């Protein structure tokens, strides 16, 4: 691990009772997986669905691939869920994600009017009985489709089916460090859509992620206030919504990204912010921290 990442300070998620503290850790070329079946009804609902929102080149695919890589390489076992029609496609996509990110290759852009769906099982390496495996279904869509909701527009039917479905949804709202000021109104359009669909922002899992934080010239933040100030200035309406409903926010970077011959590659990979976001996701779904130390008797047993 290069020393340049040792001072990285991922944001701590704060509420009135808990703080998550983390330490620094050290191409997708296939067609997206289409919706199963010919109707707009969501199939295979027995999972925790994670929906990525963000415009083109905001970093959604990079965040997804690096989170999956962290879960698989640092936190436990991650595998395609058996018995799902897209299991084979999920295996191919997962393999591409892992191979490419380990070689410093960034994911390709998502195809418009498609939903990339990954049905997975995550089994943590934490031995406590409180920390259980969970089903995760990651959903990613093209940024062009999200732009369609501007000024009262509507989503493609493939996306609407998930937003209308009676399924547990977590929303990861992605905006880039260098273009956040352009996304404020669109993010609020999306929040309006969720509320029209009777998804109470106080009772669903939502987090704002400011991606490409390395464009600030730093790999981390010196304090929580630094990120707060950024969102307050660049995303005024979004900031008010976050504060009103007590929603979380963080920054994100995958390390040192450099351009060579017109292409961007990861020169030095960091999974520190992937760790933060992955831990937030697990606890927001399961209710226990991923690094839960166990009961007294479990800790006693683990010590031998």
Protein backbone atom coordinates (compact mmCIF):
# COMPACT_ATOMS: atom_id res chain seq x y z
CA UNK A 1 0.00 0.00 0.00
CA UNK A 2 1.38 3.36 -0.97
CA UNK A 3 1.91 5.79 1.89
CA UNK A 4 -0.06 8.44 0.02
CA UNK A 5 -3.32 6.73 1.05
CA UNK A 6 -2.49 6.27 4.73
CA UNK A 7 -3.95 9.67 5.66
CA UNK A 8 -7.24 9.08 3.89
CA UNK A 9 -10.11 9.82 6.26
CA UNK A 10 -13.41 8.41 5.03
CA UNK A 11 -16.45 10.21 6.31
CA UNK A 12 -18.05 8.90 9.48
CA UNK A 13 -21.82 8.50 9.18
CA UNK A 14 -23.38 10.20 12.16
CA UNK A 15 -26.78 10.14 13.79
CA UNK A 16 -27.85 10.81 17.34
CA UNK A 17 -26.57 7.49 18.65
CA UNK A 18 -23.88 5.93 16.49
CA UNK A 19 -20.76 6.70 14.52
CA UNK A 20 -19.14 4.41 11.98
CA UNK A 21 -15.35 4.70 12.08
CA UNK A 22 -13.22 3.09 9.39
CA UNK A 23 -9.54 2.77 8.62
CA UNK A 24 -7.86 3.08 5.21
CA UNK A 25 -7.37 -0.16 3.25
CA UNK A 26 -5.18 -0.38 0.93
CA UNK A 27 -14.60 -3.12 -17.71
CA UNK A 28 -17.60 -3.88 -17.93
CA UNK A 29 -18.01 -4.78 -21.66
CA UNK A 30 -20.93 -7.19 -21.56
CA UNK A 31 -24.51 -6.24 -22.40
CA UNK A 32 -26.53 -5.24 -19.31
CA UNK A 33 -28.85 -7.88 -17.92
CA UNK A 34 -32.40 -7.20 -19.19
CA UNK A 35 -35.52 -7.44 -17.08
CA UNK A 36 -36.91 -10.91 -16.67
CA UNK A 37 -40.19 -11.66 -18.41
CA UNK A 38 -42.28 -9.53 -20.73
CA UNK A 39 -44.44 -7.70 -18.18
CA UNK A 40 -43.50 -4.68 -16.08
CA UNK A 41 -43.88 -6.65 -12.85
CA UNK A 42 -40.68 -7.15 -10.90
CA UNK A 43 -39.77 -10.82 -10.62
CA UNK A 44 -37.82 -12.46 -7.78
CA UNK A 45 -38.60 -9.99 -5.02
CA UNK A 46 -36.88 -11.89 -2.20
CA UNK A 47 -33.93 -9.55 -1.87
CA UNK A 48 -32.73 -6.12 -0.75
CA UNK A 49 -32.71 -3.91 -3.83
CA UNK A 50 -30.07 -1.18 -4.20
CA UNK A 51 -30.92 1.50 -6.78
CA UNK A 52 -28.22 3.83 -8.14
CA UNK A 53 -29.29 7.32 -9.26
CA UNK A 54 -26.97 9.67 -11.15
CA UNK A 55 -26.31 11.39 -14.46
CA UNK A 56 -23.91 10.18 -17.16
CA UNK A 57 -20.30 9.82 -16.04
CA UNK A 58 -21.22 10.56 -12.42
CA UNK A 59 -19.39 7.41 -11.32
CA UNK A 60 -22.24 4.97 -10.61
CA UNK A 61 -20.57 2.00 -12.31
CA UNK A 62 -17.24 2.72 -10.62
CA UNK A 63 -18.89 2.88 -7.21
CA UNK A 64 -20.79 -0.34 -7.84
CA UNK A 65 -17.75 -2.28 -9.07
CA UNK A 66 -15.48 -1.08 -6.25
CA UNK A 67 -18.12 -1.85 -3.59
CA UNK A 68 -18.50 -5.37 -4.95
CA UNK A 69 -14.73 -5.76 -5.05
CA UNK A 70 -14.46 -4.65 -1.41
CA UNK A 71 -17.23 -7.01 -0.28
CA UNK A 72 -15.59 -9.93 -2.08
CA UNK A 73 -11.93 -9.23 -1.25
CA UNK A 74 -12.15 -7.71 2.24
CA UNK A 75 -15.49 -8.40 3.92
CA UNK A 76 -16.61 -11.92 3.05
CA UNK A 77 -18.00 -14.01 0.22
CA UNK A 78 -20.07 -12.52 -2.60
CA UNK A 79 -21.65 -14.80 -5.16
CA UNK A 80 -24.56 -14.86 -7.63
CA UNK A 81 -27.82 -16.03 -6.13
CA UNK A 82 -28.83 -19.51 -7.25
CA UNK A 83 -32.16 -20.17 -8.95
CA UNK A 84 -32.41 -16.70 -10.53
CA UNK A 85 -32.89 -16.55 -14.33
CA UNK A 86 -29.97 -14.14 -14.75
CA UNK A 87 -27.49 -16.13 -12.64
CA UNK A 88 -25.19 -16.88 -15.59
CA UNK A 89 -25.21 -13.25 -16.74
CA UNK A 90 -24.50 -12.14 -13.18
CA UNK A 91 -21.47 -14.43 -13.02
CA UNK A 92 -20.11 -12.89 -16.23
CA UNK A 93 -20.72 -9.33 -15.06
CA UNK A 94 -19.19 -10.00 -11.65
CA UNK A 95 -16.12 -11.62 -13.21
CA UNK A 96 -15.66 -8.63 -15.55
CA UNK A 97 -15.99 -6.17 -12.69
CA UNK A 98 -13.37 -7.95 -10.59
CA UNK A 99 -10.91 -8.58 -13.41
CA UNK A 100 -11.07 -5.05 -14.77
CA UNK A 101 -10.85 -3.15 -11.48
CA UNK A 102 -7.90 -5.27 -10.36
CA UNK A 103 -6.16 -4.23 -13.60
CA UNK A 104 -7.05 -0.56 -13.17
CA UNK A 105 -9.67 -0.55 -15.93
CA UNK A 106 -12.76 1.58 -15.34
CA UNK A 107 -16.21 0.18 -16.15
CA UNK A 108 -17.90 1.06 -19.43
CA UNK A 109 -21.00 3.24 -19.55
CA UNK A 110 -24.36 1.61 -18.95
CA UNK A 111 -26.67 1.14 -21.97
CA UNK A 112 -29.74 3.34 -22.15
CA UNK A 113 -33.22 1.90 -21.44
CA UNK A 114 -31.75 -1.16 -19.74
CA UNK A 115 -31.53 -2.15 -16.09
CA UNK A 116 -28.30 -3.86 -15.10
CA UNK A 117 -29.47 -6.24 -12.38
CA UNK A 118 -27.13 -8.26 -10.19
CA UNK A 119 -28.78 -10.74 -7.82
CA UNK A 120 -26.15 -11.68 -5.23
CA UNK A 121 -25.68 -13.30 -1.84
CA UNK A 122 -23.27 -11.62 0.56
CA UNK A 123 -21.96 -13.75 3.43
CA UNK A 124 -19.81 -11.74 5.88
CA UNK A 125 -16.64 -13.25 7.35
CA UNK A 126 -17.71 -11.98 10.79
CA UNK A 127 -18.38 -15.12 12.88
CA UNK A 128 -20.96 -13.54 15.21
CA UNK A 129 -24.42 -15.09 14.95
CA UNK A 130 -25.83 -11.56 14.82
CA UNK A 131 -24.13 -10.97 11.45
CA UNK A 132 -26.11 -12.93 8.92
CA UNK A 133 -25.82 -13.39 5.12
CA UNK A 134 -28.11 -11.11 3.13
CA UNK A 135 -29.47 -11.09 -0.42
CA UNK A 136 -28.49 -8.01 -2.42
CA UNK A 137 -29.88 -6.99 -5.80
CA UNK A 138 -27.95 -4.11 -7.33
CA UNK A 139 -29.75 -2.04 -9.98
CA UNK A 140 -27.90 0.33 -12.29
CA UNK A 141 -29.29 2.39 -15.15
CA UNK A 142 -27.98 4.84 -17.73
CA UNK A 143 -27.53 8.48 -16.77
CA UNK A 144 -29.43 9.45 -19.92
CA UNK A 145 -32.52 7.78 -18.48
CA UNK A 146 -32.24 9.81 -15.29
CA UNK A 147 -32.05 13.02 -17.31
CA UNK A 148 -35.48 12.20 -18.73
CA UNK A 149 -37.20 13.11 -15.46
CA UNK A 150 -36.26 16.79 -15.77
CA UNK A 151 -39.23 19.19 -15.99
CA UNK A 152 -41.87 16.64 -15.19
CA UNK A 153 -40.59 13.87 -17.46
CA UNK A 154 -40.97 10.19 -16.68
CA UNK A 155 -38.75 7.13 -16.56
CA UNK A 156 -38.50 4.31 -19.04
CA UNK A 157 -40.86 1.45 -18.14
CA UNK A 158 -37.94 -0.83 -17.19
CA UNK A 159 -37.02 1.59 -14.39
CA UNK A 160 -40.59 2.43 -13.40
CA UNK A 161 -41.28 -1.23 -12.68
CA UNK A 162 -38.73 -1.20 -9.86
CA UNK A 163 -39.75 2.17 -8.44
CA UNK A 164 -43.40 1.07 -8.43
CA UNK A 165 -42.71 -2.41 -7.08
CA UNK A 166 -43.48 -3.41 -3.51
CA UNK A 167 -39.86 -4.23 -2.77
CA UNK A 168 -37.33 -3.06 -0.13
CA UNK A 169 -35.28 -0.34 -1.86
CA UNK A 170 -32.11 1.47 -0.84
CA UNK A 171 -31.20 4.54 -2.91
CA UNK A 172 -27.60 5.61 -3.57
CA UNK A 173 -27.70 9.13 -5.05
CA UNK A 174 -24.47 9.83 -6.94
CA UNK A 175 -23.15 13.23 -8.01
CA UNK A 176 -19.63 14.05 -9.15
CA UNK A 177 -17.33 16.51 -7.36
CA UNK A 178 -16.83 18.53 -10.53
CA UNK A 179 -20.46 18.62 -11.74
CA UNK A 180 -22.46 18.58 -8.50
CA UNK A 181 -23.71 22.13 -9.02
CA UNK A 182 -25.51 20.97 -12.19
CA UNK A 183 -27.33 18.10 -10.44
CA UNK A 184 -29.10 19.89 -7.59
CA UNK A 185 -32.46 20.35 -9.33
CA UNK A 186 -32.41 16.87 -10.90
CA UNK A 187 -31.77 15.18 -7.56
CA UNK A 188 -34.73 17.05 -6.11
CA UNK A 189 -36.86 15.97 -9.09
CA UNK A 190 -35.97 12.39 -8.15
CA UNK A 191 -36.89 12.95 -4.49
CA UNK A 192 -40.23 14.37 -5.66
CA UNK A 193 -40.85 11.22 -7.73
CA UNK A 194 -40.12 9.00 -4.73
CA UNK A 195 -42.57 10.91 -2.56
CA UNK A 196 -45.25 10.75 -5.30
CA UNK A 197 -44.76 6.99 -5.26
CA UNK A 198 -45.40 7.06 -1.50
CA UNK A 199 -41.82 6.26 -0.56
CA UNK A 200 -41.42 8.19 2.68
CA UNK A 201 -37.91 9.65 2.82
CA UNK A 202 -37.93 9.26 6.60
CA UNK A 203 -38.42 5.51 6.42
CA UNK A 204 -36.33 4.38 3.42
CA UNK A 205 -32.55 4.08 3.13
CA UNK A 206 -31.08 7.00 1.16
CA UNK A 207 -27.52 8.29 0.95
CA UNK A 208 -25.91 11.04 -1.13
CA UNK A 209 -22.46 10.12 -2.50
CA UNK A 210 -20.14 12.81 -3.89
CA UNK A 211 -17.96 10.80 -6.27
CA UNK A 212 -14.55 11.63 -7.78
CA UNK A 213 -13.45 13.41 -4.62
CA UNK A 214 -9.85 13.04 -5.83
CA UNK A 215 -10.63 15.89 -8.26
CA UNK A 216 -10.50 18.15 -5.20
CA UNK A 217 -6.78 17.46 -5.08
CA UNK A 218 -7.17 15.30 -1.98
CA UNK A 219 -8.11 11.68 -1.33
CA UNK A 220 -10.16 12.45 1.74
CA UNK A 221 -11.73 15.13 3.91
CA UNK A 222 -10.09 16.80 6.89
CA UNK A 223 -13.40 16.88 8.75
CA UNK A 224 -17.09 16.14 8.32
CA UNK A 225 -17.62 19.90 8.07
CA UNK A 226 -15.62 19.98 4.83
CA UNK A 227 -18.13 17.73 3.09
CA UNK A 228 -21.05 19.52 4.75
CA UNK A 229 -19.82 22.84 3.38
CA UNK A 230 -19.36 21.41 -0.12
CA UNK A 231 -22.93 20.06 -0.24
CA UNK A 232 -24.31 23.26 1.29
CA UNK A 233 -22.71 25.39 -1.43
CA UNK A 234 -23.02 23.14 -4.51
CA UNK A 235 -26.31 21.38 -3.72
CA UNK A 236 -28.43 23.86 -1.80
CA UNK A 237 -31.85 22.23 -2.29
CA UNK A 238 -30.46 18.73 -1.85
CA UNK A 239 -28.73 19.82 1.33
CA UNK A 240 -32.00 21.12 2.74
CA UNK A 241 -33.71 17.83 1.90
CA UNK A 242 -30.95 15.81 3.55
CA UNK A 243 -31.13 17.89 6.70
CA UNK A 244 -34.93 17.84 6.84
CA UNK A 245 -35.19 14.06 6.62
CA UNK A 246 -31.95 13.19 8.40
CA UNK A 247 -30.39 11.47 5.37
CA UNK A 248 -26.74 10.39 5.15
CA UNK A 249 -24.00 11.62 2.86
CA UNK A 250 -20.37 10.75 2.12
CA UNK A 251 -17.62 11.29 -0.44
CA UNK A 252 -16.12 8.65 -2.70
CA UNK A 253 -12.87 7.99 -4.53
CA UNK A 254 -11.24 4.84 -5.85
CA UNK A 255 -7.75 6.32 -5.61
CA UNK A 256 -5.37 7.84 -8.12
CA UNK A 257 -6.99 7.97 -11.59
CA UNK A 258 -4.75 9.11 -14.44
CA UNK A 259 -5.32 9.81 -18.14
CA UNK A 260 -3.05 8.23 -20.74
CA UNK A 261 -3.59 8.35 -24.50
CA UNK A 262 -7.09 9.67 -23.95
CA UNK A 263 -8.08 6.85 -21.60
CA UNK A 264 -8.44 6.91 -17.84
CA UNK A 265 -6.95 4.16 -15.69
CA UNK A 266 -6.61 3.55 -11.97
CA UNK A 267 -2.94 4.07 -11.12
CA UNK A 268 -3.37 3.33 -7.40
CA UNK A 269 -6.50 1.64 -6.07
CA UNK A 270 -8.00 2.53 -2.69
CA UNK A 271 -11.03 0.73 -1.24
CA UNK A 272 -11.33 2.93 1.86
CA UNK A 273 -14.49 4.75 0.75
CA UNK A 274 -15.90 1.51 -0.70
CA UNK A 275 -15.55 0.11 2.83
CA UNK A 276 -17.44 3.03 4.35
CA UNK A 277 -20.34 2.83 1.89
CA UNK A 278 -20.53 -0.97 2.04
CA UNK A 279 -20.69 -0.94 5.84
CA UNK A 280 -23.40 1.71 5.76
CA UNK A 281 -25.37 -0.40 3.28
CA UNK A 282 -25.13 -3.59 5.36
CA UNK A 283 -26.12 -1.95 8.64
CA UNK A 284 -28.95 0.06 7.08
CA UNK A 285 -30.41 -3.22 5.79
CA UNK A 286 -29.57 -5.72 8.53
CA UNK A 287 -29.50 -3.48 11.61
CA UNK A 288 -26.09 -4.59 12.93
CA UNK A 289 -22.65 -3.21 11.97
CA UNK A 290 -20.68 -5.41 9.61
CA UNK A 291 -17.74 -5.32 12.04
CA UNK A 292 -19.91 -6.07 15.11
CA UNK A 293 -17.61 -7.55 17.77
CA UNK A 294 -20.11 -10.12 18.99
CA UNK A 295 -21.68 -10.90 22.35
CA UNK A 296 -19.55 -11.34 25.46
CA UNK A 297 -19.53 -15.13 25.03
CA UNK A 298 -18.74 -14.86 21.33
CA UNK A 299 -15.82 -12.53 22.03
CA UNK A 300 -14.60 -14.94 24.69
CA UNK A 301 -14.83 -17.84 22.22
CA UNK A 302 -13.11 -15.89 19.42
CA UNK A 303 -10.21 -15.00 21.75
CA UNK A 304 -9.09 -18.63 22.09
